[in-house]
């Protein structure tokens, strides 16, 4: 019964999964596709893995887009591509993340490495939410008679 409820809620939805080429993101992408999502877009920097996952899910229901979530222009382009290709965006699953590969303590913390990790883990998530919110905002504006919000979405 729970599976039917999940399928009903996901039926026809367009979803972006950042970090969807491996790990938790890959599993989430597969579960969303299996439970009725109309389209799953895997956004990741791991091109080979991302394409392989999209192909294994099925190219009619899953696409791969190379995207570094720390780069706002790449995220904006990926979100716009998704909305244009699939007619909108219903769910942004911000999953991309990274860890430091350097063995360090707070006493010898490499701040460049710290900044790199935070650009992906914190800033990247905020960028994804911001860009997805613009799609939702502009979808609402299309049904509005106000000209000011309409100007913002063009």
C-alpha atoms as a PDB file:
ATOM      1  CA  UNK A   1       0.000   0.000   0.000  1.00  0.00           C
ATOM      2  CA  UNK A   2       2.827   2.432   0.834  1.00  0.00           C
ATOM      3  CA  UNK A   3       4.456   1.681  -2.533  1.00  0.00           C
ATOM      4  CA  UNK A   4       1.230   2.578  -4.354  1.00  0.00           C
ATOM      5  CA  UNK A   5       1.018   5.867  -2.453  1.00  0.00           C
ATOM      6  CA  UNK A   6       4.633   6.721  -3.343  1.00  0.00           C
ATOM      7  CA  UNK A   7       4.045   5.809  -6.996  1.00  0.00           C
ATOM      8  CA  UNK A   8       0.946   7.994  -7.072  1.00  0.00           C
ATOM      9  CA  UNK A   9       2.845  10.974  -5.616  1.00  0.00           C
ATOM     10  CA  UNK A  10       5.764  10.577  -8.042  1.00  0.00           C
ATOM     11  CA  UNK A  11       3.682   9.751 -11.118  1.00  0.00           C
ATOM     12  CA  UNK A  12       4.559  12.123 -13.934  1.00  0.00           C
ATOM     13  CA  UNK A  13       7.072  14.148 -11.912  1.00  0.00           C
ATOM     14  CA  UNK A  14      10.288  15.602 -13.322  1.00  0.00           C
ATOM     15  CA  UNK A  15      13.188  15.221 -10.905  1.00  0.00           C
ATOM     16  CA  UNK A  16      16.801  16.397 -10.781  1.00  0.00           C
ATOM     17  CA  UNK A  17      19.192  14.386  -8.606  1.00  0.00           C
ATOM     18  CA  UNK A  18      22.529  16.106  -8.057  1.00  0.00           C
ATOM     19  CA  UNK A  19      25.338  13.703  -7.319  1.00  0.00           C
ATOM     20  CA  UNK A  20      23.243  11.013  -8.988  1.00  0.00           C
ATOM     21  CA  UNK A  21      26.094   9.161 -10.690  1.00  0.00           C
ATOM     22  CA  UNK A  22      27.053   7.111  -7.638  1.00  0.00           C
ATOM     23  CA  UNK A  23      26.287   6.298  -4.020  1.00  0.00           C
ATOM     24  CA  UNK A  24      23.111   7.558  -2.406  1.00  0.00           C
ATOM     25  CA  UNK A  25      22.296   9.758  -5.410  1.00  0.00           C
ATOM     26  CA  UNK A  26      22.405   6.820  -7.802  1.00  0.00           C
ATOM     27  CA  UNK A  27      20.131   4.800  -5.534  1.00  0.00           C
ATOM     28  CA  UNK A  28      17.697   7.710  -5.208  1.00  0.00           C
ATOM     29  CA  UNK A  29      17.621   8.194  -8.996  1.00  0.00           C
ATOM     30  CA  UNK A  30      16.781   4.521  -9.484  1.00  0.00           C
ATOM     31  CA  UNK A  31      14.096   4.527  -6.773  1.00  0.00           C
ATOM     32  CA  UNK A  32      12.462   7.658  -8.200  1.00  0.00           C
ATOM     33  CA  UNK A  33      12.389   6.135 -11.692  1.00  0.00           C
ATOM     34  CA  UNK A  34      11.064   2.819 -10.367  1.00  0.00           C
ATOM     35  CA  UNK A  35       8.334   4.615  -8.449  1.00  0.00           C
ATOM     36  CA  UNK A  36       6.798   6.545 -11.304  1.00  0.00           C
ATOM     37  CA  UNK A  37       8.857   9.666 -11.978  1.00  0.00           C
ATOM     38  CA  UNK A  38       8.345  10.635 -15.620  1.00  0.00           C
ATOM     39  CA  UNK A  39      11.897  11.920 -15.964  1.00  0.00           C
ATOM     40  CA  UNK A  40      14.989  11.761 -13.764  1.00  0.00           C
ATOM     41  CA  UNK A  41      17.913  14.017 -14.602  1.00  0.00           C
ATOM     42  CA  UNK A  42      21.232  12.975 -13.119  1.00  0.00           C
ATOM     43  CA  UNK A  43      23.418  16.050 -12.592  1.00  0.00           C
ATOM     44  CA  UNK A  44      26.993  15.160 -11.691  1.00  0.00           C
ATOM     45  CA  UNK A  45      30.646  15.802 -12.558  1.00  0.00           C
ATOM     46  CA  UNK A  46      31.277  12.076 -13.060  1.00  0.00           C
ATOM     47  CA  UNK A  47      30.358  11.962 -16.745  1.00  0.00           C
ATOM     48  CA  UNK A  48      31.114   8.325 -17.497  1.00  0.00           C
ATOM     49  CA  UNK A  49      29.292   7.035 -14.422  1.00  0.00           C
ATOM     50  CA  UNK A  50      26.392   9.449 -14.918  1.00  0.00           C
ATOM     51  CA  UNK A  51      25.829   8.361 -18.505  1.00  0.00           C
ATOM     52  CA  UNK A  52      26.026   4.688 -17.499  1.00  0.00           C
ATOM     53  CA  UNK A  53      23.435   5.132 -14.743  1.00  0.00           C
ATOM     54  CA  UNK A  54      21.092   7.069 -17.047  1.00  0.00           C
ATOM     55  CA  UNK A  55      21.420   4.395 -19.712  1.00  0.00           C
ATOM     56  CA  UNK A  56      20.767   1.586 -17.213  1.00  0.00           C
ATOM     57  CA  UNK A  57      17.617   3.318 -15.944  1.00  0.00           C
ATOM     58  CA  UNK A  58      16.452   3.891 -19.506  1.00  0.00           C
ATOM     59  CA  UNK A  59      17.083   6.824 -21.801  1.00  0.00           C
ATOM     60  CA  UNK A  60      13.362   7.415 -22.253  1.00  0.00           C
ATOM     61  CA  UNK A  61      13.067   8.161 -18.504  1.00  0.00           C
ATOM     62  CA  UNK A  62      16.539   9.295 -17.460  1.00  0.00           C
ATOM     63  CA  UNK A  63      19.112  11.782 -18.730  1.00  0.00           C
ATOM     64  CA  UNK A  64      22.582  12.784 -17.655  1.00  0.00           C
ATOM     65  CA  UNK A  65      23.812  16.382 -17.542  1.00  0.00           C
ATOM     66  CA  UNK A  66      27.375  17.267 -16.579  1.00  0.00           C
ATOM     67  CA  UNK A  67      27.078  19.823 -13.776  1.00  0.00           C
ATOM     68  CA  UNK A  68      29.352  21.124 -11.026  1.00  0.00           C
ATOM     69  CA  UNK A  69      26.920  22.327  -8.358  1.00  0.00           C
ATOM     70  CA  UNK A  70      29.498  24.817  -7.062  1.00  0.00           C
ATOM     71  CA  UNK A  71      29.217  26.695 -10.381  1.00  0.00           C
ATOM     72  CA  UNK A  72      25.982  28.684 -10.447  1.00  0.00           C
ATOM     73  CA  UNK A  73      26.040  29.124 -14.229  1.00  0.00           C
ATOM     74  CA  UNK A  74      26.257  25.353 -14.737  1.00  0.00           C
ATOM     75  CA  UNK A  75      23.384  24.781 -12.303  1.00  0.00           C
ATOM     76  CA  UNK A  76      21.232  27.455 -13.966  1.00  0.00           C
ATOM     77  CA  UNK A  77      21.891  25.921 -17.390  1.00  0.00           C
ATOM     78  CA  UNK A  78      21.123  22.408 -16.122  1.00  0.00           C
ATOM     79  CA  UNK A  79      17.855  23.498 -14.478  1.00  0.00           C
ATOM     80  CA  UNK A  80      16.823  25.454 -17.576  1.00  0.00           C
ATOM     81  CA  UNK A  81      17.670  22.474 -19.819  1.00  0.00           C
ATOM     82  CA  UNK A  82      15.570  20.202 -17.610  1.00  0.00           C
ATOM     83  CA  UNK A  83      12.581  22.559 -17.586  1.00  0.00           C
ATOM     84  CA  UNK A  84      12.781  23.090 -21.347  1.00  0.00           C
ATOM     85  CA  UNK A  85      13.305  19.422 -22.204  1.00  0.00           C
ATOM     86  CA  UNK A  86      10.669  17.992 -19.863  1.00  0.00           C
ATOM     87  CA  UNK A  87       8.252  20.906 -19.536  1.00  0.00           C
ATOM     88  CA  UNK A  88       9.063  21.826 -15.952  1.00  0.00           C
ATOM     89  CA  UNK A  89      10.719  20.713 -12.754  1.00  0.00           C
ATOM     90  CA  UNK A  90       8.867  19.206  -9.819  1.00  0.00           C
ATOM     91  CA  UNK A  91      11.600  17.964  -7.474  1.00  0.00           C
ATOM     92  CA  UNK A  92      15.198  19.064  -6.893  1.00  0.00           C
ATOM     93  CA  UNK A  93      17.020  16.398  -4.870  1.00  0.00           C
ATOM     94  CA  UNK A  94      20.217  18.194  -3.804  1.00  0.00           C
ATOM     95  CA  UNK A  95      22.491  15.290  -2.986  1.00  0.00           C
ATOM     96  CA  UNK A  96      25.905  16.260  -4.417  1.00  0.00           C
ATOM     97  CA  UNK A  97      28.644  16.355  -1.838  1.00  0.00           C
ATOM     98  CA  UNK A  98      32.314  15.773  -1.316  1.00  0.00           C
ATOM     99  CA  UNK A  99      34.820  15.153   1.466  1.00  0.00           C
ATOM    100  CA  UNK A 100      38.410  16.143   1.946  1.00  0.00           C
ATOM    101  CA  UNK A 101      40.965  13.584   0.901  1.00  0.00           C
ATOM    102  CA  UNK A 102      43.623  15.198   3.074  1.00  0.00           C
ATOM    103  CA  UNK A 103      44.356  13.694   6.486  1.00  0.00           C
ATOM    104  CA  UNK A 104      44.220  16.727   8.765  1.00  0.00           C
ATOM    105  CA  UNK A 105      43.217  18.015  12.151  1.00  0.00           C
ATOM    106  CA  UNK A 106      41.909  21.439  13.093  1.00  0.00           C
ATOM    107  CA  UNK A 107      45.492  22.436  13.940  1.00  0.00           C
ATOM    108  CA  UNK A 108      46.731  21.864  10.391  1.00  0.00           C
ATOM    109  CA  UNK A 109      43.461  22.489   8.533  1.00  0.00           C
ATOM    110  CA  UNK A 110      44.099  23.289   4.890  1.00  0.00           C
ATOM    111  CA  UNK A 111      41.786  26.232   4.243  1.00  0.00           C
ATOM    112  CA  UNK A 112      41.912  25.842   0.449  1.00  0.00           C
ATOM    113  CA  UNK A 113      40.673  22.282   0.825  1.00  0.00           C
ATOM    114  CA  UNK A 114      38.058  23.435   3.345  1.00  0.00           C
ATOM    115  CA  UNK A 115      36.832  26.085   0.868  1.00  0.00           C
ATOM    116  CA  UNK A 116      36.618  23.476  -1.916  1.00  0.00           C
ATOM    117  CA  UNK A 117      34.499  21.159   0.241  1.00  0.00           C
ATOM    118  CA  UNK A 118      32.223  23.983   1.404  1.00  0.00           C
ATOM    119  CA  UNK A 119      31.725  25.249  -2.176  1.00  0.00           C
ATOM    120  CA  UNK A 120      30.193  21.901  -3.072  1.00  0.00           C
ATOM    121  CA  UNK A 121      28.486  20.894   0.178  1.00  0.00           C
ATOM    122  CA  UNK A 122      27.043  24.227   1.349  1.00  0.00           C
ATOM    123  CA  UNK A 123      27.133  26.704  -1.521  1.00  0.00           C
ATOM    124  CA  UNK A 124      26.238  24.064  -4.103  1.00  0.00           C
ATOM    125  CA  UNK A 125      23.090  23.098  -2.252  1.00  0.00           C
ATOM    126  CA  UNK A 126      22.032  26.742  -1.909  1.00  0.00           C
ATOM    127  CA  UNK A 127      22.652  27.336  -5.629  1.00  0.00           C
ATOM    128  CA  UNK A 128      20.495  24.318  -6.534  1.00  0.00           C
ATOM    129  CA  UNK A 129      17.636  25.450  -4.306  1.00  0.00           C
ATOM    130  CA  UNK A 130      17.852  29.002  -5.691  1.00  0.00           C
ATOM    131  CA  UNK A 131      17.773  27.891  -9.324  1.00  0.00           C
ATOM    132  CA  UNK A 132      14.945  25.396  -8.742  1.00  0.00           C
ATOM    133  CA  UNK A 133      12.965  28.114  -6.949  1.00  0.00           C
ATOM    134  CA  UNK A 134      13.211  30.354 -10.035  1.00  0.00           C
ATOM    135  CA  UNK A 135      11.587  27.639 -12.133  1.00  0.00           C
ATOM    136  CA  UNK A 136       8.737  27.336  -9.623  1.00  0.00           C
ATOM    137  CA  UNK A 137       8.376  31.122  -9.356  1.00  0.00           C
ATOM    138  CA  UNK A 138       8.243  31.558 -13.127  1.00  0.00           C
ATOM    139  CA  UNK A 139       5.697  28.726 -13.456  1.00  0.00           C
ATOM    140  CA  UNK A 140       3.459  30.576 -10.999  1.00  0.00           C
ATOM    141  CA  UNK A 141       3.968  33.868 -12.849  1.00  0.00           C
ATOM    142  CA  UNK A 142       2.728  32.344 -16.112  1.00  0.00           C
ATOM    143  CA  UNK A 143      -0.674  32.121 -14.423  1.00  0.00           C
ATOM    144  CA  UNK A 144      -0.451  35.696 -13.053  1.00  0.00           C
ATOM    145  CA  UNK A 145      -1.763  38.964 -14.450  1.00  0.00           C
ATOM    146  CA  UNK A 146       0.970  41.031 -12.777  1.00  0.00           C
ATOM    147  CA  UNK A 147       3.631  42.444 -15.091  1.00  0.00           C
ATOM    148  CA  UNK A 148       6.434  42.930 -12.528  1.00  0.00           C
ATOM    149  CA  UNK A 149       6.981  39.226 -11.746  1.00  0.00           C
ATOM    150  CA  UNK A 150       6.616  38.478 -15.445  1.00  0.00           C
ATOM    151  CA  UNK A 151       9.470  40.859 -16.202  1.00  0.00           C
ATOM    152  CA  UNK A 152      11.715  39.033 -13.703  1.00  0.00           C
ATOM    153  CA  UNK A 153      11.165  35.680 -15.425  1.00  0.00           C
ATOM    154  CA  UNK A 154      12.115  36.836 -18.895  1.00  0.00           C
END
